[in-house]
Amino acid sequence: MEEKLTKKYGLFTAICMVVGTVIGSGVFFKAQTVLEKTNCNVGLGILAWIIGGCVMLSCILAFAVMAQKYQKVNGVVDYAEATVGPKYAYFLGWFLATT
């Protein structure tokens, strides 16, 4: 007997969860490190933030597409299993659990 998944969260809630995760991970505390790596070049530091933001938007889009296609409950592990295989998904699950 398989239960059907129901959608509990909408777009606004999903966006709030991503923003909360990014802010919670300390993204605003990385400014000093970025400036140190760019030899205190503010323009280059801002460019690095913009490039990082574009990479994050690409990842968000990829996860949104996979979430629409594979409606399962294990998230990243299910996406990895569907695209690469069950062995990779198994190791990814362990990696994510231990890091």
C-alpha atoms as a PDB file:
ATOM      1  CA  MET A   1       0.000   0.000   0.000  1.00  0.00           C
ATOM      2  CA  GLU A   2       1.763   3.124  -1.251  1.00  0.00           C
ATOM      3  CA  GLU A   3       0.841   6.571  -0.001  1.00  0.00           C
ATOM      4  CA  LYS A   4       0.595   9.373  -2.507  1.00  0.00           C
ATOM      5  CA  LEU A   5       2.820  12.370  -1.798  1.00  0.00           C
ATOM      6  CA  THR A   6       1.036  15.634  -1.255  1.00  0.00           C
ATOM      7  CA  LYS A   7       2.537  19.045  -1.836  1.00  0.00           C
ATOM      8  CA  LYS A   8       2.753  20.905   1.450  1.00  0.00           C
ATOM      9  CA  TYR A   9       4.950  23.815   0.450  1.00  0.00           C
ATOM     10  CA  GLY A  10       4.467  26.426  -2.226  1.00  0.00           C
ATOM     11  CA  LEU A  11       6.948  28.562  -4.109  1.00  0.00           C
ATOM     12  CA  PHE A  12       7.126  31.248  -1.416  1.00  0.00           C
ATOM     13  CA  THR A  13       7.901  28.727   1.311  1.00  0.00           C
ATOM     14  CA  ALA A  14      10.565  27.057  -0.839  1.00  0.00           C
ATOM     15  CA  ILE A  15      12.233  30.408  -1.528  1.00  0.00           C
ATOM     16  CA  CYS A  16      12.179  31.269   2.185  1.00  0.00           C
ATOM     17  CA  MET A  17      13.774  27.915   3.021  1.00  0.00           C
ATOM     18  CA  VAL A  18      16.612  28.467   0.512  1.00  0.00           C
ATOM     19  CA  VAL A  19      17.223  32.038   1.665  1.00  0.00           C
ATOM     20  CA  GLY A  20      17.211  30.910   5.294  1.00  0.00           C
ATOM     21  CA  THR A  21      19.711  28.174   4.542  1.00  0.00           C
ATOM     22  CA  VAL A  22      22.058  30.504   2.670  1.00  0.00           C
ATOM     23  CA  ILE A  23      21.925  33.178   5.354  1.00  0.00           C
ATOM     24  CA  GLY A  24      22.175  30.571   8.078  1.00  0.00           C
ATOM     25  CA  SER A  25      25.302  29.113   6.514  1.00  0.00           C
ATOM     26  CA  GLY A  26      27.128  32.365   7.129  1.00  0.00           C
ATOM     27  CA  VAL A  27      27.345  33.770   3.608  1.00  0.00           C
ATOM     28  CA  PHE A  28      27.564  37.293   4.984  1.00  0.00           C
ATOM     29  CA  PHE A  29      30.575  36.403   7.120  1.00  0.00           C
ATOM     30  CA  LYS A  30      32.615  35.448   4.044  1.00  0.00           C
ATOM     31  CA  ALA A  31      33.195  39.020   2.793  1.00  0.00           C
ATOM     32  CA  GLN A  32      36.583  39.293   4.494  1.00  0.00           C
ATOM     33  CA  THR A  33      37.749  36.007   2.986  1.00  0.00           C
ATOM     34  CA  VAL A  34      36.608  37.063  -0.489  1.00  0.00           C
ATOM     35  CA  LEU A  35      38.453  40.371  -0.196  1.00  0.00           C
ATOM     36  CA  GLU A  36      41.588  38.620   1.054  1.00  0.00           C
ATOM     37  CA  LYS A  37      41.522  36.224  -1.895  1.00  0.00           C
ATOM     38  CA  THR A  38      41.118  39.150  -4.333  1.00  0.00           C
ATOM     39  CA  ASN A  39      43.927  41.195  -2.714  1.00  0.00           C
ATOM     40  CA  CYS A  40      41.388  43.742  -1.384  1.00  0.00           C
ATOM     41  CA  ASN A  41      40.115  44.531  -4.879  1.00  0.00           C
ATOM     42  CA  VAL A  42      36.479  45.481  -4.238  1.00  0.00           C
ATOM     43  CA  GLY A  43      35.456  45.284  -7.911  1.00  0.00           C
ATOM     44  CA  LEU A  44      36.889  41.792  -8.254  1.00  0.00           C
ATOM     45  CA  GLY A  45      35.266  40.790  -4.960  1.00  0.00           C
ATOM     46  CA  ILE A  46      31.850  41.934  -6.176  1.00  0.00           C
ATOM     47  CA  LEU A  47      32.407  40.063  -9.439  1.00  0.00           C
ATOM     48  CA  ALA A  48      33.183  36.935  -7.423  1.00  0.00           C
ATOM     49  CA  TRP A  49      29.894  37.358  -5.497  1.00  0.00           C
ATOM     50  CA  ILE A  50      27.987  37.803  -8.780  1.00  0.00           C
ATOM     51  CA  ILE A  51      29.561  34.688 -10.297  1.00  0.00           C
ATOM     52  CA  GLY A  52      28.777  32.740  -7.121  1.00  0.00           C
ATOM     53  CA  GLY A  53      25.177  33.978  -7.284  1.00  0.00           C
ATOM     54  CA  CYS A  54      24.853  32.837 -10.901  1.00  0.00           C
ATOM     55  CA  VAL A  55      26.179  29.389  -9.961  1.00  0.00           C
ATOM     56  CA  MET A  56      23.637  29.202  -7.129  1.00  0.00           C
ATOM     57  CA  LEU A  57      20.800  30.194  -9.482  1.00  0.00           C
ATOM     58  CA  SER A  58      21.875  27.435 -11.877  1.00  0.00           C
ATOM     59  CA  CYS A  59      21.813  24.919  -9.031  1.00  0.00           C
ATOM     60  CA  ILE A  60      18.397  26.131  -7.892  1.00  0.00           C
ATOM     61  CA  LEU A  61      17.026  25.722 -11.415  1.00  0.00           C
ATOM     62  CA  ALA A  62      18.489  22.220 -11.723  1.00  0.00           C
ATOM     63  CA  PHE A  63      17.004  21.144  -8.385  1.00  0.00           C
ATOM     64  CA  ALA A  64      13.638  22.675  -9.289  1.00  0.00           C
ATOM     65  CA  VAL A  65      13.537  20.676 -12.531  1.00  0.00           C
ATOM     66  CA  MET A  66      14.507  17.463 -10.753  1.00  0.00           C
ATOM     67  CA  ALA A  67      11.944  18.078  -8.005  1.00  0.00           C
ATOM     68  CA  GLN A  68       9.212  18.376 -10.628  1.00  0.00           C
ATOM     69  CA  LYS A  69      10.331  15.220 -12.426  1.00  0.00           C
ATOM     70  CA  TYR A  70      11.135  12.933  -9.464  1.00  0.00           C
ATOM     71  CA  GLN A  71       8.513  13.411  -6.789  1.00  0.00           C
ATOM     72  CA  LYS A  72      10.025  11.280  -4.056  1.00  0.00           C
ATOM     73  CA  VAL A  73      10.848  12.017  -0.429  1.00  0.00           C
ATOM     74  CA  ASN A  74      14.642  11.644  -0.254  1.00  0.00           C
ATOM     75  CA  GLY A  75      15.546  14.737  -2.274  1.00  0.00           C
ATOM     76  CA  VAL A  76      19.159  14.821  -3.416  1.00  0.00           C
ATOM     77  CA  VAL A  77      19.668  11.091  -2.883  1.00  0.00           C
ATOM     78  CA  ASP A  78      16.682  10.260  -5.112  1.00  0.00           C
ATOM     79  CA  TYR A  79      17.934  12.662  -7.789  1.00  0.00           C
ATOM     80  CA  ALA A  80      21.382  11.060  -7.685  1.00  0.00           C
ATOM     81  CA  GLU A  81      19.860   7.587  -7.921  1.00  0.00           C
ATOM     82  CA  ALA A  82      17.751   8.555 -10.922  1.00  0.00           C
ATOM     83  CA  THR A  83      20.590  10.241 -12.803  1.00  0.00           C
ATOM     84  CA  VAL A  84      23.751   8.302 -11.847  1.00  0.00           C
ATOM     85  CA  GLY A  85      22.648   5.094 -10.155  1.00  0.00           C
ATOM     86  CA  PRO A  86      21.845   3.487  -6.805  1.00  0.00           C
ATOM     87  CA  LYS A  87      25.454   2.879  -5.744  1.00  0.00           C
ATOM     88  CA  TYR A  88      26.362   6.555  -6.189  1.00  0.00           C
ATOM     89  CA  ALA A  89      23.184   7.588  -4.350  1.00  0.00           C
ATOM     90  CA  TYR A  90      24.092   5.297  -1.459  1.00  0.00           C
ATOM     91  CA  PHE A  91      27.550   6.841  -1.070  1.00  0.00           C
ATOM     92  CA  LEU A  92      26.150  10.342  -1.495  1.00  0.00           C
ATOM     93  CA  GLY A  93      23.648   9.702   1.275  1.00  0.00           C
ATOM     94  CA  TRP A  94      26.415   8.584   3.608  1.00  0.00           C
ATOM     95  CA  PHE A  95      28.591  11.520   2.631  1.00  0.00           C
ATOM     96  CA  LEU A  96      25.807  14.002   3.323  1.00  0.00           C
ATOM     97  CA  ALA A  97      24.981  12.323   6.629  1.00  0.00           C
ATOM     98  CA  THR A  98      28.561  12.470   7.894  1.00  0.00           C
ATOM     99  CA  THR A  99      29.587  15.952   6.774  1.00  0.00           C
END
